[in-house]
Amino acid sequence: MTDVEKTPTSRAERSLAFMVASTIGISVLAFLAIIIGTAAGVRDFGSGLWPVIIFLPLIGLPIGLIFMIVLLVVSTRRRLRDARGSR
């Protein structure tokens, strides 16, 4: 298929790609915040905003993985449908 013949990505695929990037990105930023906080001398991670920051990667990474699998399935189904249509 040439670039002209390709169908554009759907809104669902773009939304899923954004959700994957944002959930994994926020989780990575939370990891970095924990590393920087530890290096800065924070020892009490049980008070303030720290419990939320510690909890984010525990939820964000599995959700990001699920979004990534859904995006893969949606993209594969679209490509198969396009391939069948070009025969």
PDB file of N, CA and C in Angstrom:
ATOM      1  N   MET A   1       0.830  -1.181   0.000  1.00  0.00           N
ATOM      2  CA  MET A   1       0.000   0.000   0.000  1.00  0.00           C
ATOM      3  C   MET A   1       0.873   1.243   0.000  1.00  0.00           C
ATOM      4  N   THR A   2       0.519   2.195  -0.800  1.00  0.00           N
ATOM      5  CA  THR A   2       1.236   3.466  -0.780  1.00  0.00           C
ATOM      6  C   THR A   2       0.648   4.353   0.301  1.00  0.00           C
ATOM      7  N   ASP A   3       1.297   5.474   0.539  1.00  0.00           N
ATOM      8  CA  ASP A   3       0.814   6.393   1.565  1.00  0.00           C
ATOM      9  C   ASP A   3      -0.543   6.972   1.216  1.00  0.00           C
ATOM     10  N   VAL A   4      -0.827   7.105  -0.055  1.00  0.00           N
ATOM     11  CA  VAL A   4      -2.103   7.670  -0.486  1.00  0.00           C
ATOM     12  C   VAL A   4      -3.234   6.703  -0.204  1.00  0.00           C
ATOM     13  N   GLU A   5      -2.978   5.400  -0.323  1.00  0.00           N
ATOM     14  CA  GLU A   5      -4.024   4.404  -0.162  1.00  0.00           C
ATOM     15  C   GLU A   5      -4.319   4.065   1.292  1.00  0.00           C
ATOM     16  N   LYS A   6      -3.447   4.409   2.205  1.00  0.00           N
ATOM     17  CA  LYS A   6      -3.650   4.071   3.607  1.00  0.00           C
ATOM     18  C   LYS A   6      -4.823   4.857   4.181  1.00  0.00           C
ATOM     19  N   THR A   7      -5.579   4.156   5.028  1.00  0.00           N
ATOM     20  CA  THR A   7      -6.673   4.844   5.703  1.00  0.00           C
ATOM     21  C   THR A   7      -6.115   5.554   6.924  1.00  0.00           C
ATOM     22  N   PRO A   8      -6.652   6.699   7.262  1.00  0.00           N
ATOM     23  CA  PRO A   8      -6.144   7.422   8.437  1.00  0.00           C
ATOM     24  C   PRO A   8      -6.507   6.679   9.717  1.00  0.00           C
ATOM     25  N   THR A   9      -5.732   6.949  10.762  1.00  0.00           N
ATOM     26  CA  THR A   9      -6.032   6.325  12.045  1.00  0.00           C
ATOM     27  C   THR A   9      -7.349   6.862  12.584  1.00  0.00           C
ATOM     28  N   SER A  10      -8.033   6.013  13.292  1.00  0.00           N
ATOM     29  CA  SER A  10      -9.331   6.417  13.818  1.00  0.00           C
ATOM     30  C   SER A  10      -9.147   7.228  15.097  1.00  0.00           C
ATOM     31  N   ARG A  11     -10.220   7.841  15.509  1.00  0.00           N
ATOM     32  CA  ARG A  11     -10.205   8.619  16.746  1.00  0.00           C
ATOM     33  C   ARG A  11      -9.951   7.715  17.944  1.00  0.00           C
ATOM     34  N   ALA A  12     -10.471   6.491  17.889  1.00  0.00           N
ATOM     35  CA  ALA A  12     -10.258   5.547  18.989  1.00  0.00           C
ATOM     36  C   ALA A  12      -8.780   5.192  19.123  1.00  0.00           C
ATOM     37  N   GLU A  13      -8.102   4.980  18.003  1.00  0.00           N
ATOM     38  CA  GLU A  13      -6.680   4.652  18.054  1.00  0.00           C
ATOM     39  C   GLU A  13      -5.863   5.816  18.600  1.00  0.00           C
ATOM     40  N   ARG A  14      -6.178   7.019  18.170  1.00  0.00           N
ATOM     41  CA  ARG A  14      -5.457   8.188  18.691  1.00  0.00           C
ATOM     42  C   ARG A  14      -5.714   8.376  20.170  1.00  0.00           C
ATOM     43  N   SER A  15      -6.949   8.168  20.605  1.00  0.00           N
ATOM     44  CA  SER A  15      -7.274   8.303  22.032  1.00  0.00           C
ATOM     45  C   SER A  15      -6.557   7.244  22.859  1.00  0.00           C
ATOM     46  N   LEU A  16      -6.545   6.008  22.366  1.00  0.00           N
ATOM     47  CA  LEU A  16      -5.850   4.948  23.086  1.00  0.00           C
ATOM     48  C   LEU A  16      -4.350   5.221  23.157  1.00  0.00           C
ATOM     49  N   ALA A  17      -3.766   5.712  22.072  1.00  0.00           N
ATOM     50  CA  ALA A  17      -2.340   6.026  22.075  1.00  0.00           C
ATOM     51  C   ALA A  17      -2.041   7.124  23.098  1.00  0.00           C
ATOM     52  N   PHE A  18      -2.901   8.128  23.173  1.00  0.00           N
ATOM     53  CA  PHE A  18      -2.714   9.188  24.161  1.00  0.00           C
ATOM     54  C   PHE A  18      -2.854   8.647  25.584  1.00  0.00           C
ATOM     55  N   MET A  19      -3.820   7.757  25.805  1.00  0.00           N
ATOM     56  CA  MET A  19      -4.014   7.189  27.137  1.00  0.00           C
ATOM     57  C   MET A  19      -2.818   6.330  27.542  1.00  0.00           C
ATOM     58  N   VAL A  20      -2.262   5.562  26.600  1.00  0.00           N
ATOM     59  CA  VAL A  20      -1.069   4.766  26.894  1.00  0.00           C
ATOM     60  C   VAL A  20       0.079   5.678  27.296  1.00  0.00           C
ATOM     61  N   ALA A  21       0.325   6.695  26.480  1.00  0.00           N
ATOM     62  CA  ALA A  21       1.444   7.601  26.748  1.00  0.00           C
ATOM     63  C   ALA A  21       1.259   8.351  28.066  1.00  0.00           C
ATOM     64  N   SER A  22       0.050   8.795  28.349  1.00  0.00           N
ATOM     65  CA  SER A  22      -0.156   9.581  29.565  1.00  0.00           C
ATOM     66  C   SER A  22      -0.076   8.731  30.824  1.00  0.00           C
ATOM     67  N   THR A  23      -0.670   7.537  30.828  1.00  0.00           N
ATOM     68  CA  THR A  23      -0.612   6.717  32.042  1.00  0.00           C
ATOM     69  C   THR A  23       0.802   6.224  32.325  1.00  0.00           C
ATOM     70  N   ILE A  24       1.497   5.787  31.300  1.00  0.00           N
ATOM     71  CA  ILE A  24       2.869   5.327  31.520  1.00  0.00           C
ATOM     72  C   ILE A  24       3.774   6.517  31.838  1.00  0.00           C
ATOM     73  N   GLY A  25       3.556   7.651  31.186  1.00  0.00           N
ATOM     74  CA  GLY A  25       4.363   8.841  31.468  1.00  0.00           C
ATOM     75  C   GLY A  25       4.194   9.337  32.892  1.00  0.00           C
ATOM     76  N   ILE A  26       2.968   9.365  33.389  1.00  0.00           N
ATOM     77  CA  ILE A  26       2.728   9.796  34.762  1.00  0.00           C
ATOM     78  C   ILE A  26       3.359   8.816  35.750  1.00  0.00           C
ATOM     79  N   SER A  27       3.301   7.529  35.441  1.00  0.00           N
ATOM     80  CA  SER A  27       3.914   6.533  36.317  1.00  0.00           C
ATOM     81  C   SER A  27       5.432   6.694  36.362  1.00  0.00           C
ATOM     82  N   VAL A  28       6.047   6.960  35.223  1.00  0.00           N
ATOM     83  CA  VAL A  28       7.496   7.165  35.180  1.00  0.00           C
ATOM     84  C   VAL A  28       7.873   8.436  35.946  1.00  0.00           C
ATOM     85  N   LEU A  29       7.076   9.485  35.789  1.00  0.00           N
ATOM     86  CA  LEU A  29       7.333  10.705  36.555  1.00  0.00           C
ATOM     87  C   LEU A  29       7.209  10.467  38.054  1.00  0.00           C
ATOM     88  N   ALA A  30       6.270   9.609  38.452  1.00  0.00           N
ATOM     89  CA  ALA A  30       6.129   9.286  39.874  1.00  0.00           C
ATOM     90  C   ALA A  30       7.363   8.527  40.373  1.00  0.00           C
ATOM     91  N   PHE A  31       7.875   7.598  39.545  1.00  0.00           N
ATOM     92  CA  PHE A  31       9.118   6.911  39.914  1.00  0.00           C
ATOM     93  C   PHE A  31      10.249   7.914  40.103  1.00  0.00           C
ATOM     94  N   LEU A  32      10.372   8.831  39.170  1.00  0.00           N
ATOM     95  CA  LEU A  32      11.426   9.834  39.269  1.00  0.00           C
ATOM     96  C   LEU A  32      11.249  10.710  40.506  1.00  0.00           C
ATOM     97  N   ALA A  33      10.018  11.050  40.849  1.00  0.00           N
ATOM     98  CA  ALA A  33       9.762  11.853  42.038  1.00  0.00           C
ATOM     99  C   ALA A  33      10.189  11.106  43.300  1.00  0.00           C
ATOM    100  N   ILE A  34       9.944   9.808  43.334  1.00  0.00           N
ATOM    101  CA  ILE A  34      10.353   9.018  44.494  1.00  0.00           C
ATOM    102  C   ILE A  34      11.878   8.964  44.582  1.00  0.00           C
ATOM    103  N   ILE A  35      12.539   8.776  43.445  1.00  0.00           N
ATOM    104  CA  ILE A  35      14.009   8.728  43.441  1.00  0.00           C
ATOM    105  C   ILE A  35      14.589  10.071  43.867  1.00  0.00           C
ATOM    106  N   ILE A  36      14.049  11.151  43.329  1.00  0.00           N
ATOM    107  CA  ILE A  36      14.539  12.484  43.692  1.00  0.00           C
ATOM    108  C   ILE A  36      14.236  12.800  45.151  1.00  0.00           C
ATOM    109  N   GLY A  37      13.054  12.404  45.617  1.00  0.00           N
ATOM    110  CA  GLY A  37      12.709  12.631  47.018  1.00  0.00           C
ATOM    111  C   GLY A  37      13.621  11.878  47.962  1.00  0.00           C
ATOM    112  N   THR A  38      13.947  10.657  47.615  1.00  0.00           N
ATOM    113  CA  THR A  38      14.872   9.878  48.440  1.00  0.00           C
ATOM    114  C   THR A  38      16.259  10.517  48.448  1.00  0.00           C
ATOM    115  N   ALA A  39      16.715  10.978  47.280  1.00  0.00           N
ATOM    116  CA  ALA A  39      18.028  11.626  47.194  1.00  0.00           C
ATOM    117  C   ALA A  39      18.043  12.950  47.948  1.00  0.00           C
ATOM    118  N   ALA A  40      16.880  13.613  48.022  1.00  0.00           N
ATOM    119  CA  ALA A  40      16.803  14.894  48.722  1.00  0.00           C
ATOM    120  C   ALA A  40      16.686  14.724  50.233  1.00  0.00           C
ATOM    121  N   GLY A  41      16.518  13.503  50.686  1.00  0.00           N
ATOM    122  CA  GLY A  41      16.503  13.275  52.122  1.00  0.00           C
ATOM    123  C   GLY A  41      15.136  13.036  52.723  1.00  0.00           C
ATOM    124  N   VAL A  42      14.124  12.822  51.931  1.00  0.00           N
ATOM    125  CA  VAL A  42      12.791  12.538  52.470  1.00  0.00           C
ATOM    126  C   VAL A  42      12.803  11.126  53.032  1.00  0.00           C
ATOM    127  N   ARG A  43      12.415  11.003  54.279  1.00  0.00           N
ATOM    128  CA  ARG A  43      12.376   9.686  54.922  1.00  0.00           C
ATOM    129  C   ARG A  43      10.958   9.278  55.297  1.00  0.00           C
ATOM    130  N   ASP A  44      10.053  10.226  55.416  1.00  0.00           N
ATOM    131  CA  ASP A  44       8.674   9.929  55.804  1.00  0.00           C
ATOM    132  C   ASP A  44       7.786   9.988  54.562  1.00  0.00           C
ATOM    133  N   PHE A  45       7.634   8.844  53.902  1.00  0.00           N
ATOM    134  CA  PHE A  45       6.792   8.777  52.708  1.00  0.00           C
ATOM    135  C   PHE A  45       5.331   8.476  53.051  1.00  0.00           C
ATOM    136  N   GLY A  46       4.991   8.487  54.314  1.00  0.00           N
ATOM    137  CA  GLY A  46       3.634   8.193  54.740  1.00  0.00           C
ATOM    138  C   GLY A  46       2.773   9.415  54.962  1.00  0.00           C
ATOM    139  N   SER A  47       3.314  10.597  54.730  1.00  0.00           N
ATOM    140  CA  SER A  47       2.518  11.808  54.970  1.00  0.00           C
ATOM    141  C   SER A  47       2.580  12.717  53.754  1.00  0.00           C
ATOM    142  N   GLY A  48       1.643  13.620  53.700  1.00  0.00           N
ATOM    143  CA  GLY A  48       1.600  14.572  52.594  1.00  0.00           C
ATOM    144  C   GLY A  48       1.099  13.927  51.307  1.00  0.00           C
ATOM    145  N   LEU A  49       1.721  14.295  50.207  1.00  0.00           N
ATOM    146  CA  LEU A  49       1.330  13.789  48.888  1.00  0.00           C
ATOM    147  C   LEU A  49       2.059  12.499  48.527  1.00  0.00           C
ATOM    148  N   TRP A  50       3.009  12.077  49.328  1.00  0.00           N
ATOM    149  CA  TRP A  50       3.829  10.911  49.001  1.00  0.00           C
ATOM    150  C   TRP A  50       3.046   9.618  48.857  1.00  0.00           C
ATOM    151  N   PRO A  51       2.045   9.324  49.685  1.00  0.00           N
ATOM    152  CA  PRO A  51       1.305   8.067  49.460  1.00  0.00           C
ATOM    153  C   PRO A  51       0.659   7.997  48.078  1.00  0.00           C
ATOM    154  N   VAL A  52       0.171   9.123  47.578  1.00  0.00           N
ATOM    155  CA  VAL A  52      -0.438   9.146  46.248  1.00  0.00           C
ATOM    156  C   VAL A  52       0.629   8.921  45.178  1.00  0.00           C
ATOM    157  N   ILE A  53       1.784   9.555  45.356  1.00  0.00           N
ATOM    158  CA  ILE A  53       2.864   9.409  44.380  1.00  0.00           C
ATOM    159  C   ILE A  53       3.384   7.979  44.367  1.00  0.00           C
ATOM    160  N   ILE A  54       3.445   7.341  45.511  1.00  0.00           N
ATOM    161  CA  ILE A  54       3.895   5.951  45.568  1.00  0.00           C
ATOM    162  C   ILE A  54       2.846   5.021  44.962  1.00  0.00           C
ATOM    163  N   PHE A  55       1.582   5.357  45.111  1.00  0.00           N
ATOM    164  CA  PHE A  55       0.494   4.514  44.620  1.00  0.00           C
ATOM    165  C   PHE A  55       0.305   4.615  43.102  1.00  0.00           C
ATOM    166  N   LEU A  56       0.662   5.733  42.490  1.00  0.00           N
ATOM    167  CA  LEU A  56       0.442   5.947  41.053  1.00  0.00           C
ATOM    168  C   LEU A  56       1.054   4.868  40.164  1.00  0.00           C
ATOM    169  N   PRO A  57       2.320   4.501  40.311  1.00  0.00           N
ATOM    170  CA  PRO A  57       2.872   3.468  39.433  1.00  0.00           C
ATOM    171  C   PRO A  57       2.242   2.087  39.632  1.00  0.00           C
ATOM    172  N   LEU A  58       1.746   1.834  40.845  1.00  0.00           N
ATOM    173  CA  LEU A  58       1.121   0.540  41.099  1.00  0.00           C
ATOM    174  C   LEU A  58      -0.161   0.359  40.295  1.00  0.00           C
ATOM    175  N   ILE A  59      -0.827   1.437  40.012  1.00  0.00           N
ATOM    176  CA  ILE A  59      -2.065   1.395  39.236  1.00  0.00           C
ATOM    177  C   ILE A  59      -1.817   1.800  37.785  1.00  0.00           C
ATOM    178  N   GLY A  60      -0.989   2.802  37.573  1.00  0.00           N
ATOM    179  CA  GLY A  60      -0.790   3.361  36.235  1.00  0.00           C
ATOM    180  C   GLY A  60      -0.124   2.421  35.250  1.00  0.00           C
ATOM    181  N   LEU A  61       0.879   1.683  35.685  1.00  0.00           N
ATOM    182  CA  LEU A  61       1.579   0.786  34.761  1.00  0.00           C
ATOM    183  C   LEU A  61       0.709  -0.378  34.286  1.00  0.00           C
ATOM    184  N   PRO A  62      -0.043  -1.057  35.160  1.00  0.00           N
ATOM    185  CA  PRO A  62      -0.941  -2.102  34.639  1.00  0.00           C
ATOM    186  C   PRO A  62      -2.044  -1.553  33.725  1.00  0.00           C
ATOM    187  N   ILE A  63      -2.584  -0.394  34.072  1.00  0.00           N
ATOM    188  CA  ILE A  63      -3.605   0.206  33.208  1.00  0.00           C
ATOM    189  C   ILE A  63      -2.997   0.591  31.868  1.00  0.00           C
ATOM    190  N   GLY A  64      -1.780   1.148  31.877  1.00  0.00           N
ATOM    191  CA  GLY A  64      -1.100   1.477  30.626  1.00  0.00           C
ATOM    192  C   GLY A  64      -0.847   0.251  29.772  1.00  0.00           C
ATOM    193  N   LEU A  65      -0.505  -0.872  30.409  1.00  0.00           N
ATOM    194  CA  LEU A  65      -0.299  -2.113  29.675  1.00  0.00           C
ATOM    195  C   LEU A  65      -1.599  -2.597  29.046  1.00  0.00           C
ATOM    196  N   ILE A  66      -2.690  -2.505  29.790  1.00  0.00           N
ATOM    197  CA  ILE A  66      -3.992  -2.909  29.246  1.00  0.00           C
ATOM    198  C   ILE A  66      -4.367  -2.023  28.063  1.00  0.00           C
ATOM    199  N   PHE A  67      -4.170  -0.702  28.193  1.00  0.00           N
ATOM    200  CA  PHE A  67      -4.436   0.206  27.078  1.00  0.00           C
ATOM    201  C   PHE A  67      -3.574  -0.138  25.866  1.00  0.00           C
ATOM    202  N   MET A  68      -2.327  -0.518  26.104  1.00  0.00           N
ATOM    203  CA  MET A  68      -1.424  -0.854  25.009  1.00  0.00           C
ATOM    204  C   MET A  68      -1.899  -2.116  24.280  1.00  0.00           C
ATOM    205  N   ILE A  69      -2.363  -3.107  25.023  1.00  0.00           N
ATOM    206  CA  ILE A  69      -2.876  -4.332  24.407  1.00  0.00           C
ATOM    207  C   ILE A  69      -4.133  -4.040  23.609  1.00  0.00           C
ATOM    208  N   VAL A  70      -5.030  -3.213  24.157  1.00  0.00           N
ATOM    209  CA  VAL A  70      -6.248  -2.838  23.431  1.00  0.00           C
ATOM    210  C   VAL A  70      -5.896  -2.080  22.155  1.00  0.00           C
ATOM    211  N   LEU A  71      -4.927  -1.169  22.229  1.00  0.00           N
ATOM    212  CA  LEU A  71      -4.491  -0.433  21.042  1.00  0.00           C
ATOM    213  C   LEU A  71      -3.925  -1.381  20.000  1.00  0.00           C
ATOM    214  N   LEU A  72      -3.161  -2.363  20.414  1.00  0.00           N
ATOM    215  CA  LEU A  72      -2.607  -3.342  19.488  1.00  0.00           C
ATOM    216  C   LEU A  72      -3.708  -4.134  18.798  1.00  0.00           C
ATOM    217  N   VAL A  73      -4.716  -4.551  19.552  1.00  0.00           N
ATOM    218  CA  VAL A  73      -5.828  -5.310  18.974  1.00  0.00           C
ATOM    219  C   VAL A  73      -6.617  -4.451  17.987  1.00  0.00           C
ATOM    220  N   VAL A  74      -6.930  -3.218  18.371  1.00  0.00           N
ATOM    221  CA  VAL A  74      -7.701  -2.328  17.491  1.00  0.00           C
ATOM    222  C   VAL A  74      -6.924  -2.035  16.214  1.00  0.00           C
ATOM    223  N   SER A  75      -5.644  -1.767  16.339  1.00  0.00           N
ATOM    224  CA  SER A  75      -4.812  -1.464  15.179  1.00  0.00           C
ATOM    225  C   SER A  75      -4.675  -2.674  14.255  1.00  0.00           C
ATOM    226  N   THR A  76      -4.510  -3.846  14.849  1.00  0.00           N
ATOM    227  CA  THR A  76      -4.388  -5.065  14.043  1.00  0.00           C
ATOM    228  C   THR A  76      -5.680  -5.360  13.304  1.00  0.00           C
ATOM    229  N   ARG A  77      -6.803  -5.183  13.966  1.00  0.00           N
ATOM    230  CA  ARG A  77      -8.091  -5.417  13.299  1.00  0.00           C
ATOM    231  C   ARG A  77      -8.299  -4.454  12.136  1.00  0.00           C
ATOM    232  N   ARG A  78      -7.903  -3.186  12.316  1.00  0.00           N
ATOM    233  CA  ARG A  78      -8.038  -2.219  11.225  1.00  0.00           C
ATOM    234  C   ARG A  78      -7.142  -2.588  10.054  1.00  0.00           C
ATOM    235  N   ARG A  79      -5.909  -2.998  10.345  1.00  0.00           N
ATOM    236  CA  ARG A  79      -4.990  -3.367   9.269  1.00  0.00           C
ATOM    237  C   ARG A  79      -5.468  -4.608   8.522  1.00  0.00           C
ATOM    238  N   LEU A  80      -6.014  -5.579   9.249  1.00  0.00           N
ATOM    239  CA  LEU A  80      -6.555  -6.764   8.584  1.00  0.00           C
ATOM    240  C   LEU A  80      -7.752  -6.406   7.717  1.00  0.00           C
ATOM    241  N   ARG A  81      -8.602  -5.526   8.206  1.00  0.00           N
ATOM    242  CA  ARG A  81      -9.766  -5.096   7.425  1.00  0.00           C
ATOM    243  C   ARG A  81      -9.317  -4.349   6.175  1.00  0.00           C
ATOM    244  N   ASP A  82      -8.288  -3.513   6.299  1.00  0.00           N
ATOM    245  CA  ASP A  82      -7.757  -2.802   5.138  1.00  0.00           C
ATOM    246  C   ASP A  82      -7.130  -3.764   4.131  1.00  0.00           C
ATOM    247  N   ALA A  83      -6.432  -4.783   4.637  1.00  0.00           N
ATOM    248  CA  ALA A  83      -5.796  -5.749   3.746  1.00  0.00           C
ATOM    249  C   ALA A  83      -6.838  -6.570   2.998  1.00  0.00           C
ATOM    250  N   ARG A  84      -7.914  -6.931   3.664  1.00  0.00           N
ATOM    251  CA  ARG A  84      -8.986  -7.683   2.983  1.00  0.00           C
ATOM    252  C   ARG A  84      -9.678  -6.820   1.935  1.00  0.00           C
ATOM    253  N   GLY A  85      -9.817  -5.552   2.225  1.00  0.00           N
ATOM    254  CA  GLY A  85     -10.475  -4.652   1.277  1.00  0.00           C
ATOM    255  C   GLY A  85      -9.656  -4.370   0.047  1.00  0.00           C
ATOM    256  N   SER A  86      -8.335  -4.524   0.115  1.00  0.00           N
ATOM    257  CA  SER A  86      -7.498  -4.216  -1.032  1.00  0.00           C
ATOM    258  C   SER A  86      -7.326  -5.407  -1.977  1.00  0.00           C
ATOM    259  N   ARG A  87      -7.843  -6.549  -1.612  1.00  0.00           N
ATOM    260  CA  ARG A  87      -7.722  -7.738  -2.472  1.00  0.00           C
ATOM    261  C   ARG A  87      -8.632  -7.681  -3.641  1.00  0.00           C
TER     262      ARG A  87
END
